Amino acid sequence: MPATYLLAWFSFRSRLIGVLCAALMVVSPFGVFLAQEARHYTLAILLVIASLCCFVLSVWALRQRAAPSW
């Protein structure tokens, strides 16, 4: 849930949208299924969310005509 909040906050720069996205992830059937049955998918989901965060940050940097930082 915190990773989903951070991804939404990085994407839209809004706390409200971050909270809404995290809440939707918590009550979604897919999120509930992963929390109950497939605990070994947690690392894969966190890696996907982290890569999406890096993608969003690099897009923001390119839109401001700056080089993406490491």
PDB file of N, CA and C in Angstrom:
ATOM      1  N   MET A   1       0.804  -1.187   0.000  1.00  0.00           N
ATOM      2  CA  MET A   1       0.000   0.000   0.000  1.00  0.00           C
ATOM      3  C   MET A   1       0.857   1.265   0.000  1.00  0.00           C
ATOM      4  N   PRO A   2       1.914   1.363   0.805  1.00  0.00           N
ATOM      5  CA  PRO A   2       2.741   2.569   0.747  1.00  0.00           C
ATOM      6  C   PRO A   2       3.419   2.754  -0.606  1.00  0.00           C
ATOM      7  N   ALA A   3       3.808   1.667  -1.238  1.00  0.00           N
ATOM      8  CA  ALA A   3       4.444   1.774  -2.555  1.00  0.00           C
ATOM      9  C   ALA A   3       3.455   2.287  -3.591  1.00  0.00           C
ATOM     10  N   THR A   4       2.217   1.851  -3.512  1.00  0.00           N
ATOM     11  CA  THR A   4       1.189   2.339  -4.434  1.00  0.00           C
ATOM     12  C   THR A   4       0.924   3.821  -4.205  1.00  0.00           C
ATOM     13  N   TYR A   5       0.904   4.232  -2.936  1.00  0.00           N
ATOM     14  CA  TYR A   5       0.723   5.655  -2.621  1.00  0.00           C
ATOM     15  C   TYR A   5       1.861   6.488  -3.212  1.00  0.00           C
ATOM     16  N   LEU A   6       3.094   6.016  -3.035  1.00  0.00           N
ATOM     17  CA  LEU A   6       4.240   6.774  -3.554  1.00  0.00           C
ATOM     18  C   LEU A   6       4.225   6.844  -5.077  1.00  0.00           C
ATOM     19  N   LEU A   7       3.857   5.746  -5.734  1.00  0.00           N
ATOM     20  CA  LEU A   7       3.777   5.763  -7.194  1.00  0.00           C
ATOM     21  C   LEU A   7       2.743   6.782  -7.664  1.00  0.00           C
ATOM     22  N   ALA A   8       1.580   6.804  -7.041  1.00  0.00           N
ATOM     23  CA  ALA A   8       0.543   7.766  -7.430  1.00  0.00           C
ATOM     24  C   ALA A   8       0.973   9.190  -7.111  1.00  0.00           C
ATOM     25  N   TRP A   9       1.662   9.381  -5.981  1.00  0.00           N
ATOM     26  CA  TRP A   9       2.117  10.728  -5.639  1.00  0.00           C
ATOM     27  C   TRP A   9       3.187  11.215  -6.613  1.00  0.00           C
ATOM     28  N   PHE A  10       4.126  10.327  -6.981  1.00  0.00           N
ATOM     29  CA  PHE A  10       5.132  10.701  -7.980  1.00  0.00           C
ATOM     30  C   PHE A  10       4.477  11.019  -9.321  1.00  0.00           C
ATOM     31  N   SER A  11       3.434  10.282  -9.670  1.00  0.00           N
ATOM     32  CA  SER A  11       2.793  10.467 -10.977  1.00  0.00           C
ATOM     33  C   SER A  11       1.994  11.753 -11.053  1.00  0.00           C
ATOM     34  N   PHE A  12       1.208  12.049 -10.028  1.00  0.00           N
ATOM     35  CA  PHE A  12       0.267  13.161 -10.110  1.00  0.00           C
ATOM     36  C   PHE A  12       0.567  14.308  -9.158  1.00  0.00           C
ATOM     37  N   ARG A  13       1.528  14.138  -8.233  1.00  0.00           N
ATOM     38  CA  ARG A  13       1.900  15.163  -7.253  1.00  0.00           C
ATOM     39  C   ARG A  13       0.696  15.630  -6.442  1.00  0.00           C
ATOM     40  N   SER A  14      -0.146  14.673  -6.035  1.00  0.00           N
ATOM     41  CA  SER A  14      -1.332  14.992  -5.249  1.00  0.00           C
ATOM     42  C   SER A  14      -1.497  13.943  -4.149  1.00  0.00           C
ATOM     43  N   ARG A  15      -1.661  14.408  -2.917  1.00  0.00           N
ATOM     44  CA  ARG A  15      -1.854  13.480  -1.804  1.00  0.00           C
ATOM     45  C   ARG A  15      -3.192  12.766  -1.919  1.00  0.00           C
ATOM     46  N   LEU A  16      -4.221  13.471  -2.375  1.00  0.00           N
ATOM     47  CA  LEU A  16      -5.550  12.888  -2.495  1.00  0.00           C
ATOM     48  C   LEU A  16      -5.550  11.727  -3.480  1.00  0.00           C
ATOM     49  N   ILE A  17      -4.927  11.915  -4.618  1.00  0.00           N
ATOM     50  CA  ILE A  17      -4.864  10.844  -5.609  1.00  0.00           C
ATOM     51  C   ILE A  17      -4.029   9.689  -5.081  1.00  0.00           C
ATOM     52  N   GLY A  18      -2.982   9.987  -4.334  1.00  0.00           N
ATOM     53  CA  GLY A  18      -2.189   8.924  -3.727  1.00  0.00           C
ATOM     54  C   GLY A  18      -3.003   8.079  -2.766  1.00  0.00           C
ATOM     55  N   VAL A  19      -3.791   8.737  -1.937  1.00  0.00           N
ATOM     56  CA  VAL A  19      -4.626   8.010  -0.978  1.00  0.00           C
ATOM     57  C   VAL A  19      -5.700   7.211  -1.701  1.00  0.00           C
ATOM     58  N   LEU A  20      -6.301   7.791  -2.738  1.00  0.00           N
ATOM     59  CA  LEU A  20      -7.336   7.077  -3.486  1.00  0.00           C
ATOM     60  C   LEU A  20      -6.772   5.844  -4.190  1.00  0.00           C
ATOM     61  N   CYS A  21      -5.600   5.967  -4.781  1.00  0.00           N
ATOM     62  CA  CYS A  21      -4.987   4.821  -5.448  1.00  0.00           C
ATOM     63  C   CYS A  21      -4.610   3.729  -4.454  1.00  0.00           C
ATOM     64  N   ALA A  22      -4.089   4.119  -3.315  1.00  0.00           N
ATOM     65  CA  ALA A  22      -3.752   3.130  -2.284  1.00  0.00           C
ATOM     66  C   ALA A  22      -5.016   2.446  -1.771  1.00  0.00           C
ATOM     67  N   ALA A  23      -6.088   3.202  -1.589  1.00  0.00           N
ATOM     68  CA  ALA A  23      -7.351   2.609  -1.129  1.00  0.00           C
ATOM     69  C   ALA A  23      -7.918   1.651  -2.172  1.00  0.00           C
ATOM     70  N   LEU A  24      -7.819   2.022  -3.435  1.00  0.00           N
ATOM     71  CA  LEU A  24      -8.299   1.114  -4.491  1.00  0.00           C
ATOM     72  C   LEU A  24      -7.469  -0.158  -4.553  1.00  0.00           C
ATOM     73  N   MET A  25      -6.182  -0.054  -4.314  1.00  0.00           N
ATOM     74  CA  MET A  25      -5.338  -1.247  -4.297  1.00  0.00           C
ATOM     75  C   MET A  25      -5.699  -2.154  -3.123  1.00  0.00           C
ATOM     76  N   VAL A  26      -6.056  -1.559  -1.985  1.00  0.00           N
ATOM     77  CA  VAL A  26      -6.384  -2.347  -0.800  1.00  0.00           C
ATOM     78  C   VAL A  26      -7.689  -3.118  -0.993  1.00  0.00           C
ATOM     79  N   VAL A  27      -8.687  -2.510  -1.615  1.00  0.00           N
ATOM     80  CA  VAL A  27      -9.992  -3.165  -1.741  1.00  0.00           C
ATOM     81  C   VAL A  27     -10.182  -3.887  -3.071  1.00  0.00           C
ATOM     82  N   SER A  28      -9.202  -3.822  -3.955  1.00  0.00           N
ATOM     83  CA  SER A  28      -9.367  -4.514  -5.235  1.00  0.00           C
ATOM     84  C   SER A  28      -9.278  -6.025  -5.034  1.00  0.00           C
ATOM     85  N   PRO A  29     -10.057  -6.790  -5.791  1.00  0.00           N
ATOM     86  CA  PRO A  29     -10.004  -8.246  -5.643  1.00  0.00           C
ATOM     87  C   PRO A  29      -8.621  -8.815  -5.936  1.00  0.00           C
ATOM     88  N   PHE A  30      -7.916  -8.243  -6.883  1.00  0.00           N
ATOM     89  CA  PHE A  30      -6.571  -8.724  -7.198  1.00  0.00           C
ATOM     90  C   PHE A  30      -5.616  -8.484  -6.037  1.00  0.00           C
ATOM     91  N   GLY A  31      -5.698  -7.311  -5.419  1.00  0.00           N
ATOM     92  CA  GLY A  31      -4.860  -7.018  -4.266  1.00  0.00           C
ATOM     93  C   GLY A  31      -5.167  -7.923  -3.083  1.00  0.00           C
ATOM     94  N   VAL A  32      -6.440  -8.197  -2.861  1.00  0.00           N
ATOM     95  CA  VAL A  32      -6.822  -9.091  -1.775  1.00  0.00           C
ATOM     96  C   VAL A  32      -6.329 -10.508  -2.052  1.00  0.00           C
ATOM     97  N   PHE A  33      -6.450 -10.946  -3.304  1.00  0.00           N
ATOM     98  CA  PHE A  33      -5.958 -12.278  -3.664  1.00  0.00           C
ATOM     99  C   PHE A  33      -4.460 -12.396  -3.436  1.00  0.00           C
ATOM    100  N   LEU A  34      -3.716 -11.402  -3.870  1.00  0.00           N
ATOM    101  CA  LEU A  34      -2.271 -11.457  -3.683  1.00  0.00           C
ATOM    102  C   LEU A  34      -1.887 -11.427  -2.214  1.00  0.00           C
ATOM    103  N   ALA A  35      -2.653 -10.695  -1.410  1.00  0.00           N
ATOM    104  CA  ALA A  35      -2.341 -10.633   0.018  1.00  0.00           C
ATOM    105  C   ALA A  35      -2.624 -11.958   0.720  1.00  0.00           C
ATOM    106  N   GLN A  36      -3.610 -12.709   0.244  1.00  0.00           N
ATOM    107  CA  GLN A  36      -3.985 -13.943   0.916  1.00  0.00           C
ATOM    108  C   GLN A  36      -3.244 -15.165   0.392  1.00  0.00           C
ATOM    109  N   GLU A  37      -3.095 -15.271  -0.907  1.00  0.00           N
ATOM    110  CA  GLU A  37      -2.637 -16.520  -1.494  1.00  0.00           C
ATOM    111  C   GLU A  37      -1.205 -16.500  -2.007  1.00  0.00           C
ATOM    112  N   ALA A  38      -0.778 -15.400  -2.540  1.00  0.00           N
ATOM    113  CA  ALA A  38       0.480 -15.394  -3.287  1.00  0.00           C
ATOM    114  C   ALA A  38       1.489 -14.452  -2.650  1.00  0.00           C
ATOM    115  N   ARG A  39       1.942 -14.776  -1.489  1.00  0.00           N
ATOM    116  CA  ARG A  39       2.890 -13.900  -0.795  1.00  0.00           C
ATOM    117  C   ARG A  39       4.225 -13.800  -1.530  1.00  0.00           C
ATOM    118  N   HIS A  40       4.557 -14.797  -2.314  1.00  0.00           N
ATOM    119  CA  HIS A  40       5.839 -14.751  -3.016  1.00  0.00           C
ATOM    120  C   HIS A  40       5.813 -13.785  -4.196  1.00  0.00           C
ATOM    121  N   TYR A  41       4.654 -13.235  -4.547  1.00  0.00           N
ATOM    122  CA  TYR A  41       4.582 -12.234  -5.605  1.00  0.00           C
ATOM    123  C   TYR A  41       4.873 -10.828  -5.083  1.00  0.00           C
ATOM    124  N   THR A  42       5.015 -10.665  -3.800  1.00  0.00           N
ATOM    125  CA  THR A  42       5.205  -9.337  -3.211  1.00  0.00           C
ATOM    126  C   THR A  42       6.452  -8.655  -3.750  1.00  0.00           C
ATOM    127  N   LEU A  43       7.551  -9.378  -3.824  1.00  0.00           N
ATOM    128  CA  LEU A  43       8.787  -8.774  -4.322  1.00  0.00           C
ATOM    129  C   LEU A  43       8.640  -8.367  -5.790  1.00  0.00           C
ATOM    130  N   ALA A  44       7.993  -9.189  -6.584  1.00  0.00           N
ATOM    131  CA  ALA A  44       7.787  -8.855  -7.997  1.00  0.00           C
ATOM    132  C   ALA A  44       6.928  -7.602  -8.143  1.00  0.00           C
ATOM    133  N   ILE A  45       5.880  -7.491  -7.349  1.00  0.00           N
ATOM    134  CA  ILE A  45       5.011  -6.313  -7.413  1.00  0.00           C
ATOM    135  C   ILE A  45       5.773  -5.069  -6.982  1.00  0.00           C
ATOM    136  N   LEU A  46       6.576  -5.180  -5.924  1.00  0.00           N
ATOM    137  CA  LEU A  46       7.361  -4.026  -5.474  1.00  0.00           C
ATOM    138  C   LEU A  46       8.386  -3.615  -6.520  1.00  0.00           C
ATOM    139  N   LEU A  47       8.993  -4.575  -7.219  1.00  0.00           N
ATOM    140  CA  LEU A  47       9.934  -4.231  -8.283  1.00  0.00           C
ATOM    141  C   LEU A  47       9.239  -3.536  -9.452  1.00  0.00           C
ATOM    142  N   VAL A  48       8.041  -3.975  -9.794  1.00  0.00           N
ATOM    143  CA  VAL A  48       7.282  -3.307 -10.865  1.00  0.00           C
ATOM    144  C   VAL A  48       6.923  -1.888 -10.456  1.00  0.00           C
ATOM    145  N   ILE A  49       6.468  -1.705  -9.216  1.00  0.00           N
ATOM    146  CA  ILE A  49       6.120  -0.363  -8.740  1.00  0.00           C
ATOM    147  C   ILE A  49       7.361   0.528  -8.702  1.00  0.00           C
ATOM    148  N   ALA A  50       8.499  -0.017  -8.269  1.00  0.00           N
ATOM    149  CA  ALA A  50       9.735   0.771  -8.239  1.00  0.00           C
ATOM    150  C   ALA A  50      10.174   1.163  -9.644  1.00  0.00           C
ATOM    151  N   SER A  51      10.051   0.244 -10.606  1.00  0.00           N
ATOM    152  CA  SER A  51      10.434   0.593 -11.975  1.00  0.00           C
ATOM    153  C   SER A  51       9.487   1.626 -12.576  1.00  0.00           C
ATOM    154  N   LEU A  52       8.203   1.554 -12.236  1.00  0.00           N
ATOM    155  CA  LEU A  52       7.269   2.582 -12.698  1.00  0.00           C
ATOM    156  C   LEU A  52       7.576   3.936 -12.079  1.00  0.00           C
ATOM    157  N   CYS A  53       8.002   3.943 -10.810  1.00  0.00           N
ATOM    158  CA  CYS A  53       8.408   5.205 -10.176  1.00  0.00           C
ATOM    159  C   CYS A  53       9.615   5.805 -10.893  1.00  0.00           C
ATOM    160  N   CYS A  54      10.588   4.972 -11.222  1.00  0.00           N
ATOM    161  CA  CYS A  54      11.761   5.462 -11.955  1.00  0.00           C
ATOM    162  C   CYS A  54      11.363   5.991 -13.327  1.00  0.00           C
ATOM    163  N   PHE A  55      10.440   5.309 -13.979  1.00  0.00           N
ATOM    164  CA  PHE A  55       9.959   5.769 -15.286  1.00  0.00           C
ATOM    165  C   PHE A  55       9.280   7.128 -15.174  1.00  0.00           C
ATOM    166  N   VAL A  56       8.420   7.290 -14.177  1.00  0.00           N
ATOM    167  CA  VAL A  56       7.712   8.559 -13.998  1.00  0.00           C
ATOM    168  C   VAL A  56       8.691   9.684 -13.694  1.00  0.00           C
ATOM    169  N   LEU A  57       9.683   9.413 -12.843  1.00  0.00           N
ATOM    170  CA  LEU A  57      10.676  10.447 -12.531  1.00  0.00           C
ATOM    171  C   LEU A  57      11.508  10.830 -13.748  1.00  0.00           C
ATOM    172  N   SER A  58      11.843   9.866 -14.587  1.00  0.00           N
ATOM    173  CA  SER A  58      12.612  10.199 -15.787  1.00  0.00           C
ATOM    174  C   SER A  58      11.763  10.971 -16.790  1.00  0.00           C
ATOM    175  N   VAL A  59      10.484  10.664 -16.883  1.00  0.00           N
ATOM    176  CA  VAL A  59       9.603  11.435 -17.771  1.00  0.00           C
ATOM    177  C   VAL A  59       9.474  12.870 -17.272  1.00  0.00           C
ATOM    178  N   TRP A  60       9.340  13.049 -15.950  1.00  0.00           N
ATOM    179  CA  TRP A  60       9.280  14.404 -15.402  1.00  0.00           C
ATOM    180  C   TRP A  60      10.560  15.179 -15.706  1.00  0.00           C
ATOM    181  N   ALA A  61      11.699  14.517 -15.595  1.00  0.00           N
ATOM    182  CA  ALA A  61      12.971  15.193 -15.872  1.00  0.00           C
ATOM    183  C   ALA A  61      13.075  15.565 -17.348  1.00  0.00           C
ATOM    184  N   LEU A  62      12.650  14.681 -18.219  1.00  0.00           N
ATOM    185  CA  LEU A  62      12.718  14.977 -19.652  1.00  0.00           C
ATOM    186  C   LEU A  62      11.741  16.081 -20.053  1.00  0.00           C
ATOM    187  N   ARG A  63      10.600  16.143 -19.396  1.00  0.00           N
ATOM    188  CA  ARG A  63       9.634  17.216 -19.704  1.00  0.00           C
ATOM    189  C   ARG A  63      10.173  18.575 -19.288  1.00  0.00           C
ATOM    190  N   GLN A  64      11.030  18.594 -18.268  1.00  0.00           N
ATOM    191  CA  GLN A  64      11.646  19.846 -17.833  1.00  0.00           C
ATOM    192  C   GLN A  64      12.969  20.091 -18.524  1.00  0.00           C
ATOM    193  N   ARG A  65      13.275  19.286 -19.529  1.00  0.00           N
ATOM    194  CA  ARG A  65      14.479  19.397 -20.327  1.00  0.00           C
ATOM    195  C   ARG A  65      15.759  19.308 -19.477  1.00  0.00           C
ATOM    196  N   ALA A  66      15.735  18.379 -18.544  1.00  0.00           N
ATOM    197  CA  ALA A  66      16.882  18.126 -17.695  1.00  0.00           C
ATOM    198  C   ALA A  66      17.293  16.662 -17.866  1.00  0.00           C
ATOM    199  N   ALA A  67      18.525  16.373 -17.590  1.00  0.00           N
ATOM    200  CA  ALA A  67      18.987  14.998 -17.691  1.00  0.00           C
ATOM    201  C   ALA A  67      18.482  14.210 -16.479  1.00  0.00           C
ATOM    202  N   PRO A  68      17.962  13.012 -16.710  1.00  0.00           N
ATOM    203  CA  PRO A  68      17.522  12.202 -15.562  1.00  0.00           C
ATOM    204  C   PRO A  68      18.702  11.844 -14.673  1.00  0.00           C
ATOM    205  N   SER A  69      18.527  11.993 -13.381  1.00  0.00           N
ATOM    206  CA  SER A  69      19.601  11.686 -12.456  1.00  0.00           C
ATOM    207  C   SER A  69      19.540  10.214 -12.062  1.00  0.00           C
ATOM    208  N   TRP A  70      20.648   9.705 -11.620  1.00  0.00           N
ATOM    209  CA  TRP A  70      20.681   8.302 -11.176  1.00  0.00           C
ATOM    210  C   TRP A  70      20.055   8.211  -9.829  1.00  0.00           C
TER     211      TRP A  70
END
